[in-house]
Amino acid sequence: MENVFDAKDAQNYINRINNLVEGTHGLWGKMMVDQMLAHCCVSYEMVYEPEKHKKPGAIAKFILKNFVKPKVVGEKGYSRDSPTAPQFMIVGRRDFEEEKKRLIGYIQKTQQLGAAAFDGKESFSFGKLKSHEWNNMFAKHLNHHLSQFGV
């Protein structure tokens, strides 16, 4: 798995994103390319702009930590039709260039902060994560959706 904290790997993601155009169609799923970019930004918003999202309640957090977390932070990639959490649903169209710019900015910021900044950092949904768990979560999500759109 790629390392989002490594400059070369982060640049690889950026290059893949830059290969997208506004008319790029997904190979599966229902999202348009602008919605996919906005969807990918949600993971980073929860880190850098947490006020944008409602934190899960105690029962939801228990379920997330015990049943969802292993699938999200583990090594195994997502299947094509993996379910999407409600806060990741993007309704309506978005500005393609703006979402592209935001996602690239988040990837750059994450890489520049580095693994040490994420080791033991509290996740919105899963509690404290190790840096490799943060990496797996970010990398798997990016790979899944960039592959969905053929880049």
Protein backbone atom coordinates (compact mmCIF):
# COMPACT_ATOMS: atom_id res chain seq x y z
CA MET A 1 0.00 0.00 0.00
CA GLU A 2 1.19 3.49 -0.80
CA ASN A 3 2.26 5.79 2.02
CA VAL A 4 0.35 9.09 2.00
CA PHE A 5 3.08 10.56 4.20
CA ASP A 6 5.77 9.88 1.58
CA ALA A 7 6.35 12.76 -0.87
CA LYS A 8 6.69 10.46 -3.91
CA ASP A 9 3.51 8.50 -3.11
CA ALA A 10 1.57 11.70 -2.35
CA GLN A 11 2.70 13.10 -5.71
CA ASN A 12 1.51 9.89 -7.38
CA TYR A 13 -1.99 10.50 -6.01
CA ILE A 14 -1.87 14.10 -7.20
CA ASN A 15 -0.77 12.99 -10.68
CA ARG A 16 -3.66 10.55 -10.82
CA ILE A 17 -6.10 13.28 -9.77
CA ASN A 18 -4.65 15.60 -12.41
CA ASN A 19 -5.41 12.94 -15.04
CA LEU A 20 -9.12 13.37 -14.33
CA VAL A 21 -11.19 15.69 -16.49
CA GLU A 22 -14.66 17.02 -15.83
CA GLY A 23 -16.20 14.47 -18.18
CA THR A 24 -14.45 11.42 -16.73
CA HIS A 25 -16.99 8.66 -16.10
CA GLY A 26 -16.78 6.05 -13.37
CA LEU A 27 -16.29 2.42 -14.25
CA TRP A 28 -18.82 1.52 -11.55
CA GLY A 29 -21.05 3.28 -9.06
CA LYS A 30 -23.36 6.28 -9.31
CA MET A 31 -21.13 9.26 -8.51
CA MET A 32 -20.01 11.79 -11.07
CA VAL A 33 -16.32 12.74 -11.00
CA ASP A 34 -16.95 16.05 -9.18
CA GLN A 35 -18.98 14.22 -6.52
CA MET A 36 -16.22 11.64 -6.11
CA LEU A 37 -13.65 14.35 -5.47
CA ALA A 38 -15.93 16.01 -2.90
CA HIS A 39 -16.58 12.58 -1.36
CA CYS A 40 -12.83 11.96 -1.00
CA CYS A 41 -12.44 15.35 0.68
CA VAL A 42 -14.77 14.33 3.52
CA SER A 43 -12.11 12.13 5.18
CA TYR A 44 -9.79 15.13 5.30
CA GLU A 45 -12.51 17.56 6.37
CA MET A 46 -13.05 15.41 9.45
CA VAL A 47 -9.38 15.97 10.32
CA TYR A 48 -8.86 19.58 9.26
CA GLU A 49 -12.38 21.06 9.45
CA PRO A 50 -14.23 18.93 12.02
CA GLU A 51 -16.87 21.61 12.61
CA LYS A 52 -18.33 20.74 9.18
CA HIS A 53 -19.50 17.34 10.38
CA LYS A 54 -21.56 16.03 13.26
CA LYS A 55 -19.67 13.63 15.51
CA PRO A 56 -21.24 10.21 15.99
CA GLY A 57 -23.09 9.57 19.24
CA ALA A 58 -21.95 7.00 21.81
CA ILE A 59 -23.85 4.04 20.32
CA ALA A 60 -22.81 4.87 16.75
CA LYS A 61 -19.18 5.33 17.83
CA PHE A 62 -19.24 1.95 19.60
CA ILE A 63 -20.47 0.28 16.40
CA LEU A 64 -17.97 2.17 14.26
CA LYS A 65 -15.00 1.35 16.51
CA ASN A 66 -15.83 -2.32 16.91
CA PHE A 67 -17.26 -3.31 13.53
CA VAL A 68 -16.38 -0.75 10.87
CA LYS A 69 -12.90 0.36 11.96
CA PRO A 70 -11.11 -2.94 11.11
CA LYS A 71 -12.41 -2.75 7.54
CA VAL A 72 -11.50 0.91 7.13
CA VAL A 73 -8.00 0.94 8.64
CA GLY A 74 -6.95 -2.61 7.70
CA GLU A 75 -4.79 -3.62 4.76
CA LYS A 76 -7.51 -5.11 2.54
CA GLY A 77 -8.92 -2.83 -0.16
CA TYR A 78 -12.58 -1.97 -0.57
CA SER A 79 -14.85 -3.95 -2.85
CA ARG A 80 -16.58 -2.15 -5.71
CA ASP A 81 -19.95 -1.83 -4.04
CA SER A 82 -18.86 -1.05 -0.48
CA PRO A 83 -21.49 0.86 1.47
CA THR A 84 -21.00 4.59 2.03
CA ALA A 85 -21.60 6.24 5.39
CA PRO A 86 -24.29 8.96 5.29
CA GLN A 87 -21.86 11.82 6.01
CA PHE A 88 -19.88 10.80 2.90
CA MET A 89 -22.90 11.00 0.57
CA ILE A 90 -22.57 13.91 -1.84
CA VAL A 91 -25.92 15.22 -3.03
CA GLY A 92 -25.94 17.44 -6.07
CA ARG A 93 -23.15 18.46 -8.38
CA ARG A 94 -19.98 20.25 -7.27
CA ASP A 95 -17.44 22.47 -8.97
CA PHE A 96 -14.95 20.02 -10.48
CA GLU A 97 -11.91 22.32 -10.40
CA GLU A 98 -12.62 23.48 -6.83
CA GLU A 99 -13.01 19.92 -5.51
CA LYS A 100 -9.88 18.83 -7.34
CA LYS A 101 -7.94 21.73 -5.82
CA ARG A 102 -9.27 20.98 -2.32
CA LEU A 103 -8.38 17.29 -2.50
CA ILE A 104 -4.87 17.99 -3.75
CA GLY A 105 -4.41 20.54 -0.97
CA TYR A 106 -5.50 18.04 1.67
CA ILE A 107 -3.11 15.39 0.30
CA GLN A 108 -0.23 17.87 0.32
CA LYS A 109 -1.01 19.06 3.85
CA THR A 110 -1.23 15.49 5.15
CA GLN A 111 2.08 14.54 3.53
CA GLN A 112 3.81 17.67 4.85
CA LEU A 113 2.56 17.14 8.42
CA GLY A 114 3.91 13.59 8.25
CA ALA A 115 3.22 10.34 10.04
CA ALA A 116 4.32 11.65 13.44
CA ALA A 117 1.51 14.23 13.44
CA PHE A 118 -1.04 11.44 13.00
CA ASP A 119 0.35 8.84 15.40
CA GLY A 120 -2.19 8.65 18.24
CA LYS A 121 -4.40 11.32 16.66
CA GLU A 122 -8.09 11.04 17.44
CA SER A 123 -10.30 9.96 14.56
CA PHE A 124 -13.77 11.41 14.21
CA SER A 125 -15.32 7.94 14.25
CA PHE A 126 -12.75 5.40 15.40
CA GLY A 127 -10.92 6.90 18.39
CA LYS A 128 -7.14 7.19 18.48
CA LEU A 129 -5.38 5.69 15.47
CA LYS A 130 -1.76 4.85 14.78
CA SER A 131 -0.14 6.59 11.83
CA HIS A 132 -0.22 3.42 9.72
CA GLU A 133 -3.98 3.15 10.34
CA TRP A 134 -4.45 6.75 9.17
CA ASN A 135 -2.34 5.92 6.13
CA ASN A 136 -4.38 2.82 5.32
CA MET A 137 -7.62 4.75 5.65
CA PHE A 138 -6.51 7.62 3.40
CA ALA A 139 -4.65 5.45 0.85
CA LYS A 140 -7.37 2.80 0.48
CA HIS A 141 -10.06 5.42 -0.01
CA LEU A 142 -8.08 7.35 -2.60
CA ASN A 143 -7.05 4.19 -4.47
CA HIS A 144 -10.61 2.88 -4.48
CA HIS A 145 -12.12 6.00 -6.00
CA LEU A 146 -9.29 6.90 -8.35
CA SER A 147 -9.45 3.34 -9.70
CA GLN A 148 -13.23 3.72 -9.97
CA PHE A 149 -12.59 6.60 -12.38
CA GLY A 150 -9.84 4.83 -14.30
CA VAL A 151 -6.80 6.72 -13.08
